[in-house]
Amino acid sequence: MASFQARVPYVRPLRYLARPSQARVPSRSDPPVDRGKPMFSDERSRRVVFVSHCILNSNTRADGHAGVAGVNRRVLELLMQLNIGVAQMPCPELMCLGLDRGDVKGGERPVLLENTRIRAGMKSNRSAEVMDAMIAQVVAQVEQYVEHGFSVLGIIGINRSPSCGVDTTTVGNEEVKGEGVFIERLRTSLEAKGFYLNLAGTKVSQIDEALRSIRAMVEKSEATYAKAAGRALSSEFRDA
């Protein structure tokens, strides 16, 4: 499991304005010293999830595959209720194959047949290069959040998708258990850096199940961070 840094309160070191020869030992009668505030102690929750692009913008979906007009409101409303920030990942299919996925007649095919064709396109060497560049940016963002003590609570993908499937994807004209091409590459890259994030899959046609999955992902991730923070604080007390 990734070693998450605990949120130990940061105290800025006291710096005297006087020269060393003029410095004196503070006394009880002195007014309180302003030691400064820790970074990011404003209104932000310091909690974030990464989501597939089309959860916030269904206009990137393949022709005939969009289940909502624009935003998946149920997913967004849940994350807003939980005070979790939403980091939108780029759409791998849009960037690798284009909005028409390389075939203007793709929308005339049944969804599973079109998904299978799209999956083949996402497995090309060119698509792999484009995805790896996108993934590097996502991994860099995760690194920054974790480095500064934020809780990265997971990744939300799109089940059945040939690219962003989490629990299921499309292979050989069938919906099967497994991950999409992009999610698999992303997870592998994160784990190579020591980040073992939890994932949740969504489907517009199974939204209640999707929301339960997201809640479970968040709860599991928060429990992991709480354990890591507890271990770090115990270490602080032992070393004090």
Protein backbone atom coordinates (compact mmCIF):
# COMPACT_ATOMS: atom_id res chain seq x y z
CA MET A 1 0.00 0.00 0.00
CA ALA A 2 1.15 3.54 -0.62
CA SER A 3 2.55 5.32 2.44
CA PHE A 4 0.39 8.37 2.87
CA GLN A 5 1.84 11.25 4.87
CA ALA A 6 -0.17 12.12 7.97
CA ARG A 7 -1.49 15.63 8.43
CA VAL A 8 0.79 16.63 11.28
CA PRO A 9 0.24 20.34 12.12
CA TYR A 10 2.98 22.49 10.65
CA VAL A 11 4.50 25.19 12.86
CA ARG A 12 6.69 27.78 11.21
CA PRO A 13 10.05 28.15 13.06
CA LEU A 14 10.39 31.30 15.17
CA ARG A 15 12.75 33.75 13.49
CA TYR A 16 13.99 36.75 15.45
CA LEU A 17 14.17 40.00 13.51
CA ALA A 18 17.06 41.22 15.67
CA ARG A 19 20.67 40.22 15.15
CA PRO A 20 21.81 37.16 17.15
CA SER A 21 23.62 39.36 19.70
CA GLN A 22 20.39 41.24 20.38
CA ALA A 23 18.14 38.20 20.66
CA ARG A 24 16.66 37.41 24.08
CA VAL A 25 14.75 34.53 25.59
CA PRO A 26 10.96 35.14 25.43
CA SER A 27 9.20 35.57 28.76
CA ARG A 28 5.67 34.79 29.91
CA SER A 29 4.78 38.49 29.78
CA ASP A 30 5.46 38.67 26.06
CA PRO A 31 2.43 38.77 23.72
CA PRO A 32 1.65 35.55 21.80
CA VAL A 33 4.00 34.92 18.91
CA ASP A 34 2.44 34.61 15.47
CA ARG A 35 3.98 31.42 14.15
CA GLY A 36 2.06 31.58 10.90
CA LYS A 37 -0.60 29.30 9.46
CA PRO A 38 -0.03 25.94 7.80
CA MET A 39 -0.43 25.87 4.04
CA PHE A 40 -3.86 25.14 2.59
CA SER A 41 -5.67 25.85 5.87
CA ASP A 42 -8.40 27.81 4.07
CA GLU A 43 -11.90 26.54 3.24
CA ARG A 44 -10.78 23.66 1.01
CA SER A 45 -11.54 20.13 2.19
CA ARG A 46 -8.15 18.71 1.13
CA ARG A 47 -10.05 15.72 -0.27
CA VAL A 48 -10.16 14.94 -3.99
CA VAL A 49 -11.21 12.25 -6.45
CA PHE A 50 -10.23 11.84 -10.08
CA VAL A 51 -13.07 11.18 -12.52
CA SER A 52 -13.38 10.10 -16.13
CA HIS A 53 -13.90 13.08 -18.38
CA CYS A 54 -17.41 12.23 -19.54
CA ILE A 55 -18.82 12.22 -16.01
CA LEU A 56 -18.60 16.01 -16.19
CA ASN A 57 -18.95 16.33 -19.95
CA SER A 58 -20.93 13.67 -21.80
CA ASN A 59 -20.29 15.48 -25.08
CA THR A 60 -17.07 13.51 -25.40
CA ARG A 61 -18.88 10.15 -25.46
CA ALA A 62 -18.83 8.08 -28.63
CA ASP A 63 -21.78 8.65 -30.95
CA GLY A 64 -24.88 6.95 -29.55
CA HIS A 65 -23.30 6.26 -26.14
CA ALA A 66 -24.25 9.35 -24.13
CA GLY A 67 -26.78 8.66 -21.38
CA VAL A 68 -27.04 12.22 -20.03
CA ALA A 69 -27.24 15.64 -21.68
CA GLY A 70 -24.12 17.12 -20.14
CA VAL A 71 -23.13 16.27 -16.56
CA ASN A 72 -23.87 13.14 -14.57
CA ARG A 73 -25.69 15.16 -11.93
CA ARG A 74 -26.23 12.30 -9.48
CA VAL A 75 -22.51 11.58 -9.23
CA LEU A 76 -21.59 15.25 -9.01
CA GLU A 77 -24.24 15.96 -6.36
CA LEU A 78 -22.94 13.10 -4.21
CA LEU A 79 -19.37 14.39 -4.38
CA MET A 80 -20.57 17.90 -3.56
CA GLN A 81 -22.47 16.58 -0.53
CA LEU A 82 -19.31 14.86 0.65
CA ASN A 83 -17.23 18.05 0.14
CA ILE A 84 -14.86 16.25 -2.21
CA GLY A 85 -13.03 18.11 -4.95
CA VAL A 86 -13.35 16.71 -8.48
CA ALA A 87 -10.32 16.43 -10.76
CA GLN A 88 -11.44 15.76 -14.34
CA MET A 89 -9.11 13.49 -16.28
CA PRO A 90 -8.73 13.96 -20.05
CA CYS A 91 -10.80 11.76 -22.37
CA PRO A 92 -8.41 9.16 -23.80
CA GLU A 93 -10.65 8.20 -26.71
CA LEU A 94 -11.14 11.82 -27.78
CA MET A 95 -7.41 12.48 -27.72
CA CYS A 96 -6.41 9.20 -29.37
CA LEU A 97 -9.18 8.61 -31.92
CA GLY A 98 -11.10 11.88 -32.19
CA LEU A 99 -14.66 12.76 -31.35
CA ASP A 100 -15.96 10.45 -34.10
CA ARG A 101 -13.63 7.70 -32.89
CA GLY A 102 -12.27 7.40 -36.39
CA ASP A 103 -15.55 6.37 -38.04
CA VAL A 104 -18.44 8.73 -38.74
CA LYS A 105 -20.79 5.76 -38.96
CA GLY A 106 -19.78 4.35 -35.58
CA GLY A 107 -23.06 5.41 -34.00
CA GLU A 108 -24.98 3.09 -36.34
CA ARG A 109 -23.44 0.00 -34.73
CA PRO A 110 -24.68 -1.68 -31.55
CA VAL A 111 -22.80 -0.33 -28.51
CA LEU A 112 -20.79 -3.48 -27.83
CA LEU A 113 -19.67 -3.83 -31.43
CA GLU A 114 -18.59 -0.20 -31.56
CA ASN A 115 -16.83 -0.52 -28.22
CA THR A 116 -14.88 -3.48 -29.55
CA ARG A 117 -13.77 -1.47 -32.58
CA ILE A 118 -12.78 1.43 -30.32
CA ARG A 119 -10.81 -0.87 -28.04
CA ALA A 120 -8.76 -2.08 -31.01
CA GLY A 121 -7.94 1.54 -31.87
CA MET A 122 -6.92 2.26 -28.28
CA LYS A 123 -4.48 -0.66 -28.38
CA SER A 124 -2.38 0.85 -31.18
CA ASN A 125 1.14 2.12 -30.56
CA ARG A 126 0.12 5.70 -31.30
CA SER A 127 -2.73 5.54 -28.82
CA ALA A 128 -0.38 4.10 -26.21
CA GLU A 129 1.98 7.08 -26.63
CA VAL A 130 -0.85 9.58 -26.32
CA MET A 131 -2.29 7.84 -23.26
CA ASP A 132 1.09 7.62 -21.55
CA ALA A 133 1.52 11.38 -21.90
CA MET A 134 -1.94 11.96 -20.40
CA ILE A 135 -1.29 9.48 -17.62
CA ALA A 136 1.97 11.17 -16.70
CA GLN A 137 0.03 14.38 -16.01
CA VAL A 138 -2.55 12.58 -13.85
CA VAL A 139 0.18 10.82 -11.86
CA ALA A 140 1.98 14.14 -11.35
CA GLN A 141 -1.21 15.66 -9.94
CA VAL A 142 -1.69 12.73 -7.55
CA GLU A 143 1.92 13.10 -6.40
CA GLN A 144 1.42 16.79 -5.66
CA TYR A 145 -1.77 16.23 -3.67
CA VAL A 146 -0.26 13.43 -1.59
CA GLU A 147 2.99 15.34 -1.04
CA HIS A 148 1.06 18.23 0.47
CA GLY A 149 -1.07 16.08 2.74
CA PHE A 150 -4.28 15.93 0.71
CA SER A 151 -6.43 12.80 0.63
CA VAL A 152 -6.76 11.35 -2.87
CA LEU A 153 -9.85 9.24 -2.32
CA GLY A 154 -9.89 7.32 -5.58
CA ILE A 155 -10.72 7.21 -9.27
CA ILE A 156 -14.21 7.04 -10.74
CA GLY A 157 -14.51 5.43 -14.16
CA ILE A 158 -17.16 4.24 -16.63
CA ASN A 159 -18.13 0.57 -16.58
CA ARG A 160 -18.36 -1.22 -19.94
CA SER A 161 -16.13 1.43 -21.54
CA PRO A 162 -13.28 -0.01 -23.64
CA SER A 163 -11.05 2.70 -22.20
CA CYS A 164 -12.31 3.78 -18.77
CA GLY A 165 -14.02 0.62 -17.52
CA VAL A 166 -13.34 -0.23 -13.88
CA ASP A 167 -15.37 -3.33 -13.02
CA THR A 168 -16.33 -4.22 -16.59
CA THR A 169 -15.11 -3.39 -20.07
CA THR A 170 -15.87 -4.52 -23.63
CA VAL A 171 -13.90 -7.32 -25.30
CA GLY A 172 -14.93 -9.37 -28.33
CA ASN A 173 -18.36 -7.70 -28.64
CA GLU A 174 -19.22 -8.60 -25.04
CA GLU A 175 -19.25 -6.80 -21.70
CA VAL A 176 -16.79 -8.68 -19.51
CA LYS A 177 -15.17 -8.25 -16.13
CA GLY A 178 -11.99 -6.24 -16.30
CA GLU A 179 -10.54 -2.80 -16.82
CA GLY A 180 -10.51 -0.55 -19.86
CA VAL A 181 -7.26 0.14 -21.69
CA PHE A 182 -6.72 3.60 -20.16
CA ILE A 183 -7.67 2.68 -16.59
CA GLU A 184 -5.38 -0.34 -16.65
CA ARG A 185 -2.41 1.73 -17.85
CA LEU A 186 -3.20 4.46 -15.34
CA ARG A 187 -3.46 2.06 -12.41
CA THR A 188 -0.19 0.37 -13.40
CA SER A 189 1.60 3.72 -13.60
CA LEU A 190 0.24 4.83 -10.22
CA GLU A 191 1.25 1.58 -8.56
CA ALA A 192 4.75 1.90 -10.02
CA LYS A 193 4.98 5.15 -8.04
CA GLY A 194 3.60 3.51 -4.90
CA PHE A 195 0.03 4.83 -5.14
CA TYR A 196 -2.60 2.11 -4.69
CA LEU A 197 -5.80 4.07 -5.19
CA ASN A 198 -9.28 2.62 -4.87
CA LEU A 199 -11.54 2.75 -7.91
CA ALA A 200 -15.29 2.83 -8.53
CA GLY A 201 -17.15 2.17 -11.76
CA THR A 202 -20.34 3.94 -12.85
CA LYS A 203 -23.13 3.34 -15.32
CA VAL A 204 -25.94 5.79 -16.01
CA SER A 205 -28.38 2.89 -16.31
CA GLN A 206 -27.32 1.62 -12.88
CA ILE A 207 -26.86 4.91 -11.07
CA ASP A 208 -27.97 3.81 -7.60
CA GLU A 209 -25.47 0.97 -7.65
CA ALA A 210 -22.82 3.40 -8.91
CA LEU A 211 -23.45 5.82 -6.03
CA ARG A 212 -23.15 2.99 -3.50
CA SER A 213 -19.87 1.99 -5.11
CA ILE A 214 -18.54 5.56 -4.89
CA ARG A 215 -19.52 5.84 -1.22
CA ALA A 216 -17.81 2.53 -0.48
CA MET A 217 -14.67 3.70 -2.29
CA VAL A 218 -14.57 6.95 -0.31
CA GLU A 219 -15.12 5.19 3.03
CA LYS A 220 -12.42 2.62 2.29
CA SER A 221 -9.94 5.30 1.25
CA GLU A 222 -10.66 7.48 4.28
CA ALA A 223 -10.12 4.49 6.55
CA THR A 224 -6.73 3.90 4.90
CA TYR A 225 -5.70 7.53 5.43
CA ALA A 226 -6.89 7.43 9.05
CA LYS A 227 -4.75 4.37 9.76
CA ALA A 228 -1.73 5.97 8.09
CA ALA A 229 -2.23 9.18 10.09
CA GLY A 230 -2.55 7.19 13.30
CA ARG A 231 0.71 5.35 12.65
CA ALA A 232 2.51 8.61 11.85
CA LEU A 233 1.19 10.37 14.96
CA SER A 234 2.19 7.40 17.13
CA SER A 235 5.67 7.64 15.70
CA GLU A 236 5.75 11.38 16.45
CA PHE A 237 4.85 10.76 20.09
CA ARG A 238 7.43 7.99 20.43
CA ASP A 239 10.15 10.25 19.00
CA ALA A 240 9.17 13.26 21.12
